[in-house]
Amino acid sequence: LKLITSLDVFYRERRHLPYIFGIASYIVGGLLLLSH
């Protein structure tokens, strides 16, 4: 979608959304792990 230019996300201003989605994924996965 051209929201980032590379998988490294070089530009600080474009890191906000990847962080949010990544943290959300960690939380969901973490809750599933913690239940077992």
ModelCIF file with pLDDT and N, C-alpha, C, O atoms, coordinates in Angstrom:
data_MODEL
#
_entry.id   MODEL 
#
_entity.id                         1 
_entity.type                       polymer 
_entity.pdbx_number_of_molecules   1 
#
_entity_poly.entity_id                      1 
_entity_poly.type                           'polypeptide(L)' 
_entity_poly.nstd_linkage                   no 
_entity_poly.nstd_monomer                   no 
_entity_poly.pdbx_seq_one_letter_code       LKLITSLDVFYRERRHLPYIFGIASYIVGGLLLLSH 
_entity_poly.pdbx_seq_one_letter_code_can   LKLITSLDVFYRERRHLPYIFGIASYIVGGLLLLSH 
_entity_poly.pdbx_strand_id                 A 
#
loop_
_entity_poly_seq.entity_id 
_entity_poly_seq.num 
_entity_poly_seq.mon_id 
_entity_poly_seq.hetero 
1 1  LEU n 
1 2  LYS n 
1 3  LEU n 
1 4  ILE n 
1 5  THR n 
1 6  SER n 
1 7  LEU n 
1 8  ASP n 
1 9  VAL n 
1 10 PHE n 
1 11 TYR n 
1 12 ARG n 
1 13 GLU n 
1 14 ARG n 
1 15 ARG n 
1 16 HIS n 
1 17 LEU n 
1 18 PRO n 
1 19 TYR n 
1 20 ILE n 
1 21 PHE n 
1 22 GLY n 
1 23 ILE n 
1 24 ALA n 
1 25 SER n 
1 26 TYR n 
1 27 ILE n 
1 28 VAL n 
1 29 GLY n 
1 30 GLY n 
1 31 LEU n 
1 32 LEU n 
1 33 LEU n 
1 34 LEU n 
1 35 SER n 
1 36 HIS n 
#
_struct_asym.id          A 
_struct_asym.entity_id   1 
#
loop_
_ma_qa_metric.id 
_ma_qa_metric.mode 
_ma_qa_metric.name 
_ma_qa_metric.software_group_id 
_ma_qa_metric.type 
1 global pLDDT . pLDDT 
2 local  pLDDT . pLDDT 
#
_ma_qa_metric_global.metric_id      1 
_ma_qa_metric_global.metric_value   91.31 
_ma_qa_metric_global.model_id       1 
_ma_qa_metric_global.ordinal_id     1 
#
loop_
_ma_qa_metric_local.label_asym_id 
_ma_qa_metric_local.label_comp_id 
_ma_qa_metric_local.label_seq_id 
_ma_qa_metric_local.metric_id 
_ma_qa_metric_local.metric_value 
_ma_qa_metric_local.model_id 
_ma_qa_metric_local.ordinal_id 
A LEU 1  2 92.00 1 1  
A LYS 2  2 89.00 1 2  
A LEU 3  2 88.00 1 3  
A ILE 4  2 87.00 1 4  
A THR 5  2 84.00 1 5  
A SER 6  2 83.00 1 6  
A LEU 7  2 80.00 1 7  
A ASP 8  2 80.00 1 8  
A VAL 9  2 82.00 1 9  
A PHE 10 2 78.00 1 10 
A TYR 11 2 84.00 1 11 
A ARG 12 2 86.00 1 12 
A GLU 13 2 88.00 1 13 
A ARG 14 2 88.00 1 14 
A ARG 15 2 92.00 1 15 
A HIS 16 2 92.00 1 16 
A LEU 17 2 92.00 1 17 
A PRO 18 2 93.00 1 18 
A TYR 19 2 95.00 1 19 
A ILE 20 2 95.00 1 20 
A PHE 21 2 95.00 1 21 
A GLY 22 2 95.00 1 22 
A ILE 23 2 97.00 1 23 
A ALA 24 2 97.00 1 24 
A SER 25 2 97.00 1 25 
A TYR 26 2 97.00 1 26 
A ILE 27 2 98.00 1 27 
A VAL 28 2 98.00 1 28 
A GLY 29 2 97.00 1 29 
A GLY 30 2 97.00 1 30 
A LEU 31 2 97.00 1 31 
A LEU 32 2 96.00 1 32 
A LEU 33 2 95.00 1 33 
A LEU 34 2 95.00 1 34 
A SER 35 2 94.00 1 35 
A HIS 36 2 94.00 1 36 
#
loop_
_atom_site.group_PDB 
_atom_site.id 
_atom_site.type_symbol 
_atom_site.label_atom_id 
_atom_site.label_alt_id 
_atom_site.label_comp_id 
_atom_site.label_asym_id 
_atom_site.label_entity_id 
_atom_site.label_seq_id 
_atom_site.pdbx_PDB_ins_code 
_atom_site.Cartn_x 
_atom_site.Cartn_y 
_atom_site.Cartn_z 
_atom_site.occupancy 
_atom_site.B_iso_or_equiv 
_atom_site.pdbx_formal_charge 
_atom_site.auth_seq_id 
_atom_site.auth_comp_id 
_atom_site.auth_asym_id 
_atom_site.auth_atom_id 
_atom_site.pdbx_PDB_model_num 
ATOM 1   N N  . LEU A 1 1  ? 0.814  -1.215  0.000  1.00 92.00 ? 1  LEU A N  1 
ATOM 2   C CA . LEU A 1 1  ? 0.000  0.000   0.000  1.00 92.00 ? 1  LEU A CA 1 
ATOM 3   C C  . LEU A 1 1  ? 0.853  1.274   0.000  1.00 92.00 ? 1  LEU A C  1 
ATOM 4   O O  . LEU A 1 1  ? 0.331  2.388   0.021  1.00 92.00 ? 1  LEU A O  1 
ATOM 5   N N  . LYS A 1 2  ? 2.183  1.082   -0.024 1.00 89.00 ? 2  LYS A N  1 
ATOM 6   C CA . LYS A 1 2  ? 3.144  2.189   -0.037 1.00 89.00 ? 2  LYS A CA 1 
ATOM 7   C C  . LYS A 1 2  ? 3.099  3.037   1.242  1.00 89.00 ? 2  LYS A C  1 
ATOM 8   O O  . LYS A 1 2  ? 3.452  4.217   1.238  1.00 89.00 ? 2  LYS A O  1 
ATOM 9   N N  . LEU A 1 3  ? 2.654  2.401   2.335  1.00 88.00 ? 3  LEU A N  1 
ATOM 10  C CA . LEU A 1 3  ? 2.687  3.081   3.630  1.00 88.00 ? 3  LEU A CA 1 
ATOM 11  C C  . LEU A 1 3  ? 4.090  3.044   4.213  1.00 88.00 ? 3  LEU A C  1 
ATOM 12  O O  . LEU A 1 3  ? 4.454  3.884   5.036  1.00 88.00 ? 3  LEU A O  1 
ATOM 13  N N  . ILE A 1 4  ? 4.876  2.061   3.776  1.00 87.00 ? 4  ILE A N  1 
ATOM 14  C CA . ILE A 1 4  ? 6.282  1.984   4.136  1.00 87.00 ? 4  ILE A CA 1 
ATOM 15  C C  . ILE A 1 4  ? 7.070  1.690   2.865  1.00 87.00 ? 4  ILE A C  1 
ATOM 16  O O  . ILE A 1 4  ? 6.523  1.154   1.901  1.00 87.00 ? 4  ILE A O  1 
ATOM 17  N N  . THR A 1 5  ? 8.346  2.038   2.864  1.00 84.00 ? 5  THR A N  1 
ATOM 18  C CA . THR A 1 5  ? 9.156  1.847   1.658  1.00 84.00 ? 5  THR A CA 1 
ATOM 19  C C  . THR A 1 5  ? 9.944  0.544   1.680  1.00 84.00 ? 5  THR A C  1 
ATOM 20  O O  . THR A 1 5  ? 10.357 0.049   0.632  1.00 84.00 ? 5  THR A O  1 
ATOM 21  N N  . SER A 1 6  ? 10.157 -0.016  2.878  1.00 83.00 ? 6  SER A N  1 
ATOM 22  C CA . SER A 1 6  ? 10.876 -1.284  2.991  1.00 83.00 ? 6  SER A CA 1 
ATOM 23  C C  . SER A 1 6  ? 10.435 -1.975  4.273  1.00 83.00 ? 6  SER A C  1 
ATOM 24  O O  . SER A 1 6  ? 9.813  -1.356  5.137  1.00 83.00 ? 6  SER A O  1 
ATOM 25  N N  . LEU A 1 7  ? 10.762 -3.270  4.395  1.00 80.00 ? 7  LEU A N  1 
ATOM 26  C CA . LEU A 1 7  ? 10.387 -4.019  5.590  1.00 80.00 ? 7  LEU A CA 1 
ATOM 27  C C  . LEU A 1 7  ? 11.148 -3.536  6.817  1.00 80.00 ? 7  LEU A C  1 
ATOM 28  O O  . LEU A 1 7  ? 10.737 -3.808  7.945  1.00 80.00 ? 7  LEU A O  1 
ATOM 29  N N  . ASP A 1 8  ? 12.250 -2.824  6.613  1.00 80.00 ? 8  ASP A N  1 
ATOM 30  C CA . ASP A 1 8  ? 13.004 -2.256  7.737  1.00 80.00 ? 8  ASP A CA 1 
ATOM 31  C C  . ASP A 1 8  ? 12.353 -0.999  8.294  1.00 80.00 ? 8  ASP A C  1 
ATOM 32  O O  . ASP A 1 8  ? 12.675 -0.577  9.404  1.00 80.00 ? 8  ASP A O  1 
ATOM 33  N N  . VAL A 1 9  ? 11.443 -0.396  7.539  1.00 82.00 ? 9  VAL A N  1 
ATOM 34  C CA . VAL A 1 9  ? 10.741 0.838   7.942  1.00 82.00 ? 9  VAL A CA 1 
ATOM 35  C C  . VAL A 1 9  ? 11.758 1.878   8.440  1.00 82.00 ? 9  VAL A C  1 
ATOM 36  O O  . VAL A 1 9  ? 11.815 2.196   9.628  1.00 82.00 ? 9  VAL A O  1 
ATOM 37  N N  . PHE A 1 10 ? 12.548 2.388   7.508  1.00 78.00 ? 10 PHE A N  1 
ATOM 38  C CA . PHE A 1 10 ? 13.631 3.307   7.856  1.00 78.00 ? 10 PHE A CA 1 
ATOM 39  C C  . PHE A 1 10 ? 13.136 4.611   8.473  1.00 78.00 ? 10 PHE A C  1 
ATOM 40  O O  . PHE A 1 10 ? 13.794 5.172   9.349  1.00 78.00 ? 10 PHE A O  1 
ATOM 41  N N  . TYR A 1 11 ? 11.970 5.099   8.016  1.00 84.00 ? 11 TYR A N  1 
ATOM 42  C CA . TYR A 1 11 ? 11.509 6.418   8.464  1.00 84.00 ? 11 TYR A CA 1 
ATOM 43  C C  . TYR A 1 11 ? 10.708 6.308   9.749  1.00 84.00 ? 11 TYR A C  1 
ATOM 44  O O  . TYR A 1 11 ? 9.728  5.565   9.816  1.00 84.00 ? 11 TYR A O  1 
ATOM 45  N N  . ARG A 1 12 ? 11.127 7.051   10.772 1.00 86.00 ? 12 ARG A N  1 
ATOM 46  C CA . ARG A 1 12 ? 10.483 6.989   12.084 1.00 86.00 ? 12 ARG A CA 1 
ATOM 47  C C  . ARG A 1 12 ? 8.996  7.284   12.009 1.00 86.00 ? 12 ARG A C  1 
ATOM 48  O O  . ARG A 1 12 ? 8.206  6.631   12.690 1.00 86.00 ? 12 ARG A O  1 
ATOM 49  N N  . GLU A 1 13 ? 8.595  8.262   11.189 1.00 88.00 ? 13 GLU A N  1 
ATOM 50  C CA . GLU A 1 13 ? 7.200  8.682   11.096 1.00 88.00 ? 13 GLU A CA 1 
ATOM 51  C C  . GLU A 1 13 ? 6.289  7.571   10.556 1.00 88.00 ? 13 GLU A C  1 
ATOM 52  O O  . GLU A 1 13 ? 5.079  7.594   10.781 1.00 88.00 ? 13 GLU A O  1 
ATOM 53  N N  . ARG A 1 14 ? 6.870  6.608   9.849  1.00 88.00 ? 14 ARG A N  1 
ATOM 54  C CA . ARG A 1 14 ? 6.068  5.534   9.271  1.00 88.00 ? 14 ARG A CA 1 
ATOM 55  C C  . ARG A 1 14 ? 6.077  4.266   10.117 1.00 88.00 ? 14 ARG A C  1 
ATOM 56  O O  . ARG A 1 14 ? 5.576  3.226   9.689  1.00 88.00 ? 14 ARG A O  1 
ATOM 57  N N  . ARG A 1 15 ? 6.639  4.352   11.305 1.00 92.00 ? 15 ARG A N  1 
ATOM 58  C CA . ARG A 1 15 ? 6.728  3.173   12.162 1.00 92.00 ? 15 ARG A CA 1 
ATOM 59  C C  . ARG A 1 15 ? 5.533  3.025   13.108 1.00 92.00 ? 15 ARG A C  1 
ATOM 60  O O  . ARG A 1 15 ? 5.345  1.968   13.710 1.00 92.00 ? 15 ARG A O  1 
ATOM 61  N N  . HIS A 1 16 ? 4.736  4.070   13.237 1.00 92.00 ? 16 HIS A N  1 
ATOM 62  C CA . HIS A 1 16 ? 3.664  4.037   14.227 1.00 92.00 ? 16 HIS A CA 1 
ATOM 63  C C  . HIS A 1 16 ? 2.655  2.911   13.974 1.00 92.00 ? 16 HIS A C  1 
ATOM 64  O O  . HIS A 1 16 ? 2.366  2.125   14.876 1.00 92.00 ? 16 HIS A O  1 
ATOM 65  N N  . LEU A 1 17 ? 2.120  2.830   12.754 1.00 92.00 ? 17 LEU A N  1 
ATOM 66  C CA . LEU A 1 17 ? 1.123  1.800   12.445 1.00 92.00 ? 17 LEU A CA 1 
ATOM 67  C C  . LEU A 1 17 ? 1.686  0.385   12.556 1.00 92.00 ? 17 LEU A C  1 
ATOM 68  O O  . LEU A 1 17 ? 1.032  -0.473  13.150 1.00 92.00 ? 17 LEU A O  1 
ATOM 69  N N  . PRO A 1 18 ? 2.873  0.103   12.007 1.00 93.00 ? 18 PRO A N  1 
ATOM 70  C CA . PRO A 1 18 ? 3.439  -1.238  12.196 1.00 93.00 ? 18 PRO A CA 1 
ATOM 71  C C  . PRO A 1 18 ? 3.596  -1.618  13.664 1.00 93.00 ? 18 PRO A C  1 
ATOM 72  O O  . PRO A 1 18 ? 3.360  -2.765  14.043 1.00 93.00 ? 18 PRO A O  1 
ATOM 73  N N  . TYR A 1 19 ? 3.997  -0.645  14.492 1.00 95.00 ? 19 TYR A N  1 
ATOM 74  C CA . TYR A 1 19 ? 4.113  -0.914  15.925 1.00 95.00 ? 19 TYR A CA 1 
ATOM 75  C C  . TYR A 1 19 ? 2.751  -1.297  16.509 1.00 95.00 ? 19 TYR A C  1 
ATOM 76  O O  . TYR A 1 19 ? 2.649  -2.269  17.257 1.00 95.00 ? 19 TYR A O  1 
ATOM 77  N N  . ILE A 1 20 ? 1.717  -0.544  16.173 1.00 95.00 ? 20 ILE A N  1 
ATOM 78  C CA . ILE A 1 20 ? 0.382  -0.795  16.731 1.00 95.00 ? 20 ILE A CA 1 
ATOM 79  C C  . ILE A 1 20 ? -0.114 -2.184  16.354 1.00 95.00 ? 20 ILE A C  1 
ATOM 80  O O  . ILE A 1 20 ? -0.593 -2.930  17.208 1.00 95.00 ? 20 ILE A O  1 
ATOM 81  N N  . PHE A 1 21 ? 0.000  -2.532  15.078 1.00 95.00 ? 21 PHE A N  1 
ATOM 82  C CA . PHE A 1 21 ? -0.468 -3.847  14.637 1.00 95.00 ? 21 PHE A CA 1 
ATOM 83  C C  . PHE A 1 21 ? 0.400  -4.966  15.217 1.00 95.00 ? 21 PHE A C  1 
ATOM 84  O O  . PHE A 1 21 ? -0.103 -6.030  15.575 1.00 95.00 ? 21 PHE A O  1 
ATOM 85  N N  . GLY A 1 22 ? 1.703  -4.714  15.304 1.00 95.00 ? 22 GLY A N  1 
ATOM 86  C CA . GLY A 1 22 ? 2.591  -5.721  15.873 1.00 95.00 ? 22 GLY A CA 1 
ATOM 87  C C  . GLY A 1 22 ? 2.299  -5.987  17.335 1.00 95.00 ? 22 GLY A C  1 
ATOM 88  O O  . GLY A 1 22 ? 2.261  -7.141  17.763 1.00 95.00 ? 22 GLY A O  1 
ATOM 89  N N  . ILE A 1 23 ? 2.090  -4.925  18.108 1.00 97.00 ? 23 ILE A N  1 
ATOM 90  C CA . ILE A 1 23 ? 1.772  -5.067  19.526 1.00 97.00 ? 23 ILE A CA 1 
ATOM 91  C C  . ILE A 1 23 ? 0.438  -5.784  19.704 1.00 97.00 ? 23 ILE A C  1 
ATOM 92  O O  . ILE A 1 23 ? 0.300  -6.628  20.589 1.00 97.00 ? 23 ILE A O  1 
ATOM 93  N N  . ALA A 1 24 ? -0.545 -5.451  18.865 1.00 97.00 ? 24 ALA A N  1 
ATOM 94  C CA . ALA A 1 24 ? -1.852 -6.113  18.932 1.00 97.00 ? 24 ALA A CA 1 
ATOM 95  C C  . ALA A 1 24 ? -1.704 -7.612  18.694 1.00 97.00 ? 24 ALA A C  1 
ATOM 96  O O  . ALA A 1 24 ? -2.322 -8.420  19.388 1.00 97.00 ? 24 ALA A O  1 
ATOM 97  N N  . SER A 1 25 ? -0.889 -7.979  17.717 1.00 97.00 ? 25 SER A N  1 
ATOM 98  C CA . SER A 1 25 ? -0.655 -9.391  17.430 1.00 97.00 ? 25 SER A CA 1 
ATOM 99  C C  . SER A 1 25 ? 0.034  -10.078 18.602 1.00 97.00 ? 25 SER A C  1 
ATOM 100 O O  . SER A 1 25 ? -0.312 -11.205 18.957 1.00 97.00 ? 25 SER A O  1 
ATOM 101 N N  . TYR A 1 26 ? 1.013  -9.399  19.206 1.00 97.00 ? 26 TYR A N  1 
ATOM 102 C CA . TYR A 1 26 ? 1.706  -9.942  20.378 1.00 97.00 ? 26 TYR A CA 1 
ATOM 103 C C  . TYR A 1 26 ? 0.727  -10.162 21.538 1.00 97.00 ? 26 TYR A C  1 
ATOM 104 O O  . TYR A 1 26 ? 0.807  -11.168 22.243 1.00 97.00 ? 26 TYR A O  1 
ATOM 105 N N  . ILE A 1 27 ? -0.187 -9.219  21.726 1.00 98.00 ? 27 ILE A N  1 
ATOM 106 C CA . ILE A 1 27 ? -1.143 -9.329  22.836 1.00 98.00 ? 27 ILE A CA 1 
ATOM 107 C C  . ILE A 1 27 ? -2.064 -10.527 22.630 1.00 98.00 ? 27 ILE A C  1 
ATOM 108 O O  . ILE A 1 27 ? -2.294 -11.301 23.560 1.00 98.00 ? 27 ILE A O  1 
ATOM 109 N N  . VAL A 1 28 ? -2.592 -10.683 21.419 1.00 98.00 ? 28 VAL A N  1 
ATOM 110 C CA . VAL A 1 28 ? -3.483 -11.814 21.133 1.00 98.00 ? 28 VAL A CA 1 
ATOM 111 C C  . VAL A 1 28 ? -2.729 -13.134 21.314 1.00 98.00 ? 28 VAL A C  1 
ATOM 112 O O  . VAL A 1 28 ? -3.206 -14.044 21.992 1.00 98.00 ? 28 VAL A O  1 
ATOM 113 N N  . GLY A 1 29 ? -1.556 -13.226 20.704 1.00 97.00 ? 29 GLY A N  1 
ATOM 114 C CA . GLY A 1 29 ? -0.756 -14.439 20.844 1.00 97.00 ? 29 GLY A CA 1 
ATOM 115 C C  . GLY A 1 29 ? -0.351 -14.683 22.284 1.00 97.00 ? 29 GLY A C  1 
ATOM 116 O O  . GLY A 1 29 ? -0.345 -15.822 22.752 1.00 97.00 ? 29 GLY A O  1 
ATOM 117 N N  . GLY A 1 30 ? -0.011 -13.607 22.989 1.00 97.00 ? 30 GLY A N  1 
ATOM 118 C CA . GLY A 1 30 ? 0.393  -13.723 24.380 1.00 97.00 ? 30 GLY A CA 1 
ATOM 119 C C  . GLY A 1 30 ? -0.724 -14.249 25.269 1.00 97.00 ? 30 GLY A C  1 
ATOM 120 O O  . GLY A 1 30 ? -0.489 -15.088 26.138 1.00 97.00 ? 30 GLY A O  1 
ATOM 121 N N  . LEU A 1 31 ? -1.943 -13.755 25.052 1.00 97.00 ? 31 LEU A N  1 
ATOM 122 C CA . LEU A 1 31 ? -3.087 -14.223 25.844 1.00 97.00 ? 31 LEU A CA 1 
ATOM 123 C C  . LEU A 1 31 ? -3.357 -15.703 25.601 1.00 97.00 ? 31 LEU A C  1 
ATOM 124 O O  . LEU A 1 31 ? -3.679 -16.445 26.529 1.00 97.00 ? 31 LEU A O  1 
ATOM 125 N N  . LEU A 1 32 ? -3.224 -16.123 24.347 1.00 96.00 ? 32 LEU A N  1 
ATOM 126 C CA . LEU A 1 32 ? -3.420 -17.549 24.031 1.00 96.00 ? 32 LEU A CA 1 
ATOM 127 C C  . LEU A 1 32 ? -2.344 -18.405 24.696 1.00 96.00 ? 32 LEU A C  1 
ATOM 128 O O  . LEU A 1 32 ? -2.634 -19.494 25.191 1.00 96.00 ? 32 LEU A O  1 
ATOM 129 N N  . LEU A 1 33 ? -1.121 -17.921 24.709 1.00 95.00 ? 33 LEU A N  1 
ATOM 130 C CA . LEU A 1 33 ? -0.042 -18.657 25.371 1.00 95.00 ? 33 LEU A CA 1 
ATOM 131 C C  . LEU A 1 33 ? -0.244 -18.720 26.884 1.00 95.00 ? 33 LEU A C  1 
ATOM 132 O O  . LEU A 1 33 ? -0.068 -19.768 27.505 1.00 95.00 ? 33 LEU A O  1 
ATOM 133 N N  . LEU A 1 34 ? -0.614 -17.586 27.460 1.00 95.00 ? 34 LEU A N  1 
ATOM 134 C CA . LEU A 1 34 ? -0.753 -17.509 28.919 1.00 95.00 ? 34 LEU A CA 1 
ATOM 135 C C  . LEU A 1 34 ? -1.848 -18.430 29.455 1.00 95.00 ? 34 LEU A C  1 
ATOM 136 O O  . LEU A 1 34 ? -1.827 -18.812 30.625 1.00 95.00 ? 34 LEU A O  1 
ATOM 137 N N  . SER A 1 35 ? -2.792 -18.781 28.606 1.00 94.00 ? 35 SER A N  1 
ATOM 138 C CA . SER A 1 35 ? -3.876 -19.671 29.049 1.00 94.00 ? 35 SER A CA 1 
ATOM 139 C C  . SER A 1 35 ? -3.420 -21.127 29.142 1.00 94.00 ? 35 SER A C  1 
ATOM 140 O O  . SER A 1 35 ? -4.171 -21.990 29.598 1.00 94.00 ? 35 SER A O  1 
ATOM 141 N N  . HIS A 1 36 ? -2.177 -21.396 28.704 1.00 94.00 ? 36 HIS A N  1 
ATOM 142 C CA . HIS A 1 36 ? -1.707 -22.791 28.696 1.00 94.00 ? 36 HIS A CA 1 
ATOM 143 C C  . HIS A 1 36 ? -0.301 -22.969 29.264 1.00 94.00 ? 36 HIS A C  1 
ATOM 144 O O  . HIS A 1 36 ? 0.208  -24.089 29.313 1.00 94.00 ? 36 HIS A O  1 
#
